[in-house]
Amino acid sequence: MSLEVFLKQRAQSLGFDACQICRADEAWAASGRLEAFVEAGYHGDMTWMETTLERRSRPTAMWSDAKSAIVLGLNYGPDYNPMVHLERRSEGNISF
């Protein structure tokens, strides 16, 4: 069994819904979206987003010796479509 297969199976056994392995020296697509978000001022008073923007653009910006990154995903949404609650205008919605 390859290391990649082992890691993905282990992630699944731990309850993760997604596991991908990527090169650590390439910029993440999300880094561009985060940069645009911050440049537009959408981060508000969360100045840490602006001050840590560069080091969160790619893994090697924080860990220069990194070769790969394991990216895990976990679906924590409900078993139903919560958007139906938005139709009830007399009630509030709270994300938790």
N, C-alpha and C. Protein backbone atom coordinates (compact mmCIF):
# COMPACT_ATOMS: atom_id res chain seq x y z
N MET A 1 0.85 -1.17 0.00
CA MET A 1 0.00 0.00 0.00
C MET A 1 0.89 1.24 0.00
N SER A 2 0.56 2.19 -0.84
CA SER A 2 1.35 3.43 -0.90
C SER A 2 1.06 4.30 0.32
N LEU A 3 1.98 5.21 0.60
CA LEU A 3 1.80 6.13 1.71
C LEU A 3 0.56 7.00 1.50
N GLU A 4 0.33 7.43 0.27
CA GLU A 4 -0.84 8.26 -0.03
C GLU A 4 -2.14 7.52 0.28
N VAL A 5 -2.24 6.28 -0.16
CA VAL A 5 -3.44 5.48 0.11
C VAL A 5 -3.61 5.29 1.61
N PHE A 6 -2.52 4.98 2.30
CA PHE A 6 -2.57 4.79 3.75
C PHE A 6 -3.08 6.05 4.45
N LEU A 7 -2.53 7.21 4.08
CA LEU A 7 -2.94 8.47 4.72
C LEU A 7 -4.40 8.77 4.47
N LYS A 8 -4.86 8.55 3.25
CA LYS A 8 -6.27 8.82 2.93
C LYS A 8 -7.20 7.86 3.67
N GLN A 9 -6.82 6.60 3.77
CA GLN A 9 -7.63 5.64 4.51
C GLN A 9 -7.64 5.98 6.00
N ARG A 10 -6.50 6.39 6.52
CA ARG A 10 -6.42 6.76 7.93
C ARG A 10 -7.27 7.98 8.22
N ALA A 11 -7.23 8.97 7.34
CA ALA A 11 -8.05 10.16 7.52
C ALA A 11 -9.53 9.79 7.53
N GLN A 12 -9.93 8.91 6.63
CA GLN A 12 -11.32 8.47 6.59
C GLN A 12 -11.69 7.73 7.88
N SER A 13 -10.79 6.89 8.37
CA SER A 13 -11.08 6.14 9.60
C SER A 13 -11.19 7.07 10.81
N LEU A 14 -10.57 8.24 10.73
CA LEU A 14 -10.66 9.22 11.80
C LEU A 14 -11.88 10.12 11.67
N GLY A 15 -12.66 9.92 10.60
CA GLY A 15 -13.90 10.67 10.43
C GLY A 15 -13.86 11.82 9.46
N PHE A 16 -12.74 12.02 8.78
CA PHE A 16 -12.68 13.11 7.80
C PHE A 16 -13.40 12.70 6.53
N ASP A 17 -14.05 13.67 5.89
CA ASP A 17 -14.79 13.42 4.66
C ASP A 17 -13.92 13.57 3.42
N ALA A 18 -12.85 14.31 3.53
CA ALA A 18 -11.97 14.53 2.38
C ALA A 18 -10.52 14.57 2.84
N CYS A 19 -9.64 14.06 2.01
CA CYS A 19 -8.20 14.10 2.27
C CYS A 19 -7.50 14.21 0.92
N GLN A 20 -6.75 15.27 0.75
CA GLN A 20 -5.97 15.47 -0.46
C GLN A 20 -4.54 15.81 -0.08
N ILE A 21 -3.63 15.46 -0.93
CA ILE A 21 -2.22 15.76 -0.71
C ILE A 21 -1.75 16.60 -1.89
N CYS A 22 -1.09 17.71 -1.58
CA CYS A 22 -0.64 18.60 -2.65
C CYS A 22 0.79 19.06 -2.38
N ARG A 23 1.40 19.62 -3.39
CA ARG A 23 2.75 20.16 -3.24
C ARG A 23 2.70 21.37 -2.31
N ALA A 24 3.70 21.51 -1.49
CA ALA A 24 3.73 22.61 -0.52
C ALA A 24 4.33 23.89 -1.09
N ASP A 25 5.02 23.79 -2.22
CA ASP A 25 5.70 24.98 -2.74
C ASP A 25 4.86 25.79 -3.72
N GLU A 26 3.65 25.37 -3.97
CA GLU A 26 2.78 26.10 -4.89
C GLU A 26 1.77 26.92 -4.10
N ALA A 27 1.45 28.09 -4.61
CA ALA A 27 0.44 28.93 -3.96
C ALA A 27 -0.91 28.23 -4.04
N TRP A 28 -1.68 28.36 -2.98
CA TRP A 28 -3.01 27.77 -2.96
C TRP A 28 -3.98 28.70 -3.68
N ALA A 29 -4.94 28.13 -4.39
CA ALA A 29 -5.94 28.95 -5.08
C ALA A 29 -6.68 29.84 -4.10
N ALA A 30 -6.91 29.34 -2.91
CA ALA A 30 -7.63 30.12 -1.91
C ALA A 30 -6.84 31.35 -1.47
N SER A 31 -5.53 31.33 -1.62
CA SER A 31 -4.74 32.48 -1.18
C SER A 31 -5.09 33.72 -2.00
N GLY A 32 -5.37 33.56 -3.28
CA GLY A 32 -5.78 34.69 -4.12
C GLY A 32 -7.13 35.25 -3.70
N ARG A 33 -8.03 34.36 -3.34
CA ARG A 33 -9.35 34.81 -2.88
C ARG A 33 -9.24 35.51 -1.54
N LEU A 34 -8.39 34.99 -0.66
CA LEU A 34 -8.18 35.64 0.63
C LEU A 34 -7.56 37.01 0.45
N GLU A 35 -6.59 37.12 -0.45
CA GLU A 35 -5.95 38.41 -0.72
C GLU A 35 -6.97 39.42 -1.23
N ALA A 36 -7.84 39.01 -2.16
CA ALA A 36 -8.87 39.91 -2.68
C ALA A 36 -9.85 40.32 -1.58
N PHE A 37 -10.18 39.38 -0.70
CA PHE A 37 -11.08 39.64 0.43
C PHE A 37 -10.49 40.72 1.33
N VAL A 38 -9.21 40.58 1.65
CA VAL A 38 -8.55 41.55 2.52
C VAL A 38 -8.38 42.89 1.81
N GLU A 39 -7.97 42.87 0.55
CA GLU A 39 -7.79 44.12 -0.20
C GLU A 39 -9.09 44.90 -0.32
N ALA A 40 -10.22 44.20 -0.35
CA ALA A 40 -11.52 44.86 -0.43
C ALA A 40 -11.96 45.40 0.94
N GLY A 41 -11.20 45.07 1.98
CA GLY A 41 -11.54 45.56 3.31
C GLY A 41 -12.60 44.76 4.03
N TYR A 42 -12.94 43.59 3.50
CA TYR A 42 -13.99 42.77 4.10
C TYR A 42 -13.59 42.15 5.44
N HIS A 43 -12.31 42.21 5.77
CA HIS A 43 -11.85 41.62 7.03
C HIS A 43 -12.14 42.52 8.23
N GLY A 44 -12.61 43.74 7.98
CA GLY A 44 -13.02 44.64 9.06
C GLY A 44 -11.91 44.90 10.06
N ASP A 45 -12.20 44.67 11.34
CA ASP A 45 -11.25 44.91 12.42
C ASP A 45 -10.30 43.74 12.66
N MET A 46 -10.41 42.69 11.86
CA MET A 46 -9.56 41.52 12.05
C MET A 46 -8.21 41.76 11.36
N THR A 47 -7.40 42.63 11.94
CA THR A 47 -6.13 43.02 11.33
C THR A 47 -5.16 41.86 11.18
N TRP A 48 -5.33 40.82 11.99
CA TRP A 48 -4.45 39.65 11.87
C TRP A 48 -4.55 39.02 10.49
N MET A 49 -5.71 39.17 9.83
CA MET A 49 -5.84 38.59 8.49
C MET A 49 -4.90 39.29 7.52
N GLU A 50 -4.76 40.59 7.67
CA GLU A 50 -3.87 41.35 6.79
C GLU A 50 -2.40 41.10 7.14
N THR A 51 -2.08 41.07 8.42
CA THR A 51 -0.69 40.92 8.82
C THR A 51 -0.15 39.50 8.60
N THR A 52 -1.02 38.52 8.48
CA THR A 52 -0.56 37.14 8.25
C THR A 52 -0.85 36.66 6.84
N LEU A 53 -1.26 37.55 5.98
CA LEU A 53 -1.66 37.18 4.62
C LEU A 53 -0.54 36.47 3.85
N GLU A 54 0.65 37.01 3.86
CA GLU A 54 1.75 36.43 3.09
C GLU A 54 2.10 35.03 3.57
N ARG A 55 2.20 34.84 4.86
CA ARG A 55 2.62 33.53 5.36
C ARG A 55 1.55 32.47 5.19
N ARG A 56 0.32 32.88 4.92
CA ARG A 56 -0.73 31.90 4.67
C ARG A 56 -1.01 31.69 3.19
N SER A 57 -0.15 32.22 2.33
CA SER A 57 -0.36 32.08 0.88
C SER A 57 0.05 30.71 0.36
N ARG A 58 1.01 30.07 1.03
CA ARG A 58 1.48 28.73 0.64
C ARG A 58 2.19 28.14 1.85
N PRO A 59 2.20 26.85 2.00
CA PRO A 59 2.80 26.23 3.19
C PRO A 59 4.27 26.59 3.39
N THR A 60 5.05 26.71 2.31
CA THR A 60 6.48 26.98 2.48
C THR A 60 6.75 28.39 2.99
N ALA A 61 5.74 29.24 2.98
CA ALA A 61 5.92 30.57 3.56
C ALA A 61 6.05 30.48 5.08
N MET A 62 5.51 29.44 5.68
CA MET A 62 5.65 29.22 7.13
C MET A 62 6.67 28.14 7.44
N TRP A 63 6.71 27.11 6.61
CA TRP A 63 7.60 25.97 6.83
C TRP A 63 8.43 25.78 5.57
N SER A 64 9.59 26.38 5.52
CA SER A 64 10.40 26.41 4.29
C SER A 64 10.82 25.02 3.82
N ASP A 65 10.93 24.06 4.70
CA ASP A 65 11.35 22.71 4.30
C ASP A 65 10.19 21.79 3.91
N ALA A 66 8.97 22.28 3.97
CA ALA A 66 7.81 21.43 3.66
C ALA A 66 7.85 20.99 2.20
N LYS A 67 7.51 19.75 1.94
CA LYS A 67 7.47 19.21 0.59
C LYS A 67 6.03 18.99 0.13
N SER A 68 5.18 18.57 1.05
CA SER A 68 3.77 18.27 0.74
C SER A 68 2.89 18.80 1.85
N ALA A 69 1.62 18.96 1.53
CA ALA A 69 0.63 19.37 2.52
C ALA A 69 -0.54 18.39 2.46
N ILE A 70 -0.98 17.96 3.61
CA ILE A 70 -2.17 17.12 3.70
C ILE A 70 -3.32 18.03 4.08
N VAL A 71 -4.32 18.08 3.23
CA VAL A 71 -5.46 18.96 3.44
C VAL A 71 -6.67 18.09 3.75
N LEU A 72 -7.27 18.34 4.91
CA LEU A 72 -8.40 17.53 5.37
C LEU A 72 -9.68 18.35 5.35
N GLY A 73 -10.79 17.68 5.09
CA GLY A 73 -12.09 18.33 5.11
C GLY A 73 -13.07 17.55 5.95
N LEU A 74 -13.93 18.29 6.64
CA LEU A 74 -14.93 17.67 7.49
C LEU A 74 -16.25 18.40 7.30
N ASN A 75 -17.25 17.68 6.85
CA ASN A 75 -18.57 18.26 6.66
C ASN A 75 -19.28 18.27 8.01
N TYR A 76 -19.53 19.46 8.53
CA TYR A 76 -20.20 19.57 9.81
C TYR A 76 -21.63 20.11 9.65
N GLY A 77 -22.11 20.08 8.42
CA GLY A 77 -23.46 20.56 8.15
C GLY A 77 -24.52 19.54 8.58
N PRO A 78 -25.75 20.00 8.71
CA PRO A 78 -26.83 19.09 9.11
C PRO A 78 -27.20 18.14 7.97
N ASP A 79 -27.99 17.15 8.29
CA ASP A 79 -28.42 16.16 7.29
C ASP A 79 -29.54 16.67 6.39
N TYR A 80 -29.94 17.91 6.59
CA TYR A 80 -31.01 18.50 5.79
C TYR A 80 -30.52 19.84 5.24
N ASN A 81 -31.25 20.41 4.32
CA ASN A 81 -30.87 21.70 3.73
C ASN A 81 -31.32 22.83 4.66
N PRO A 82 -30.40 23.49 5.35
CA PRO A 82 -30.79 24.53 6.29
C PRO A 82 -31.29 25.81 5.62
N MET A 83 -31.11 25.94 4.33
CA MET A 83 -31.54 27.15 3.63
C MET A 83 -33.05 27.34 3.66
N VAL A 84 -33.81 26.27 3.87
CA VAL A 84 -35.27 26.40 3.94
C VAL A 84 -35.70 27.29 5.10
N HIS A 85 -34.86 27.38 6.13
CA HIS A 85 -35.19 28.22 7.28
C HIS A 85 -35.23 29.70 6.91
N LEU A 86 -34.50 30.08 5.87
CA LEU A 86 -34.47 31.49 5.46
C LEU A 86 -35.82 31.95 4.92
N GLU A 87 -36.67 31.02 4.54
CA GLU A 87 -37.99 31.38 4.04
C GLU A 87 -38.89 31.87 5.17
N ARG A 88 -38.60 31.50 6.39
CA ARG A 88 -39.39 31.92 7.56
C ARG A 88 -38.83 33.25 8.06
N ARG A 89 -39.34 34.34 7.55
CA ARG A 89 -38.82 35.67 7.85
C ARG A 89 -39.07 36.10 9.29
N SER A 90 -39.98 35.47 9.99
CA SER A 90 -40.29 35.87 11.37
C SER A 90 -39.34 35.21 12.37
N GLU A 91 -38.42 34.36 11.90
CA GLU A 91 -37.50 33.66 12.79
C GLU A 91 -36.07 34.02 12.42
N GLY A 92 -35.19 33.97 13.40
CA GLY A 92 -33.78 34.22 13.18
C GLY A 92 -33.04 32.90 12.95
N ASN A 93 -31.88 32.98 12.36
CA ASN A 93 -31.04 31.81 12.13
C ASN A 93 -29.69 32.03 12.79
N ILE A 94 -29.22 31.02 13.47
CA ILE A 94 -27.94 31.08 14.15
C ILE A 94 -27.08 29.93 13.66
N SER A 95 -25.88 30.25 13.23
CA SER A 95 -24.94 29.20 12.81
C SER A 95 -24.14 28.78 14.02
N PHE A 96 -24.00 27.48 14.19
CA PHE A 96 -23.20 26.98 15.31
C PHE A 96 -22.38 25.81 14.89
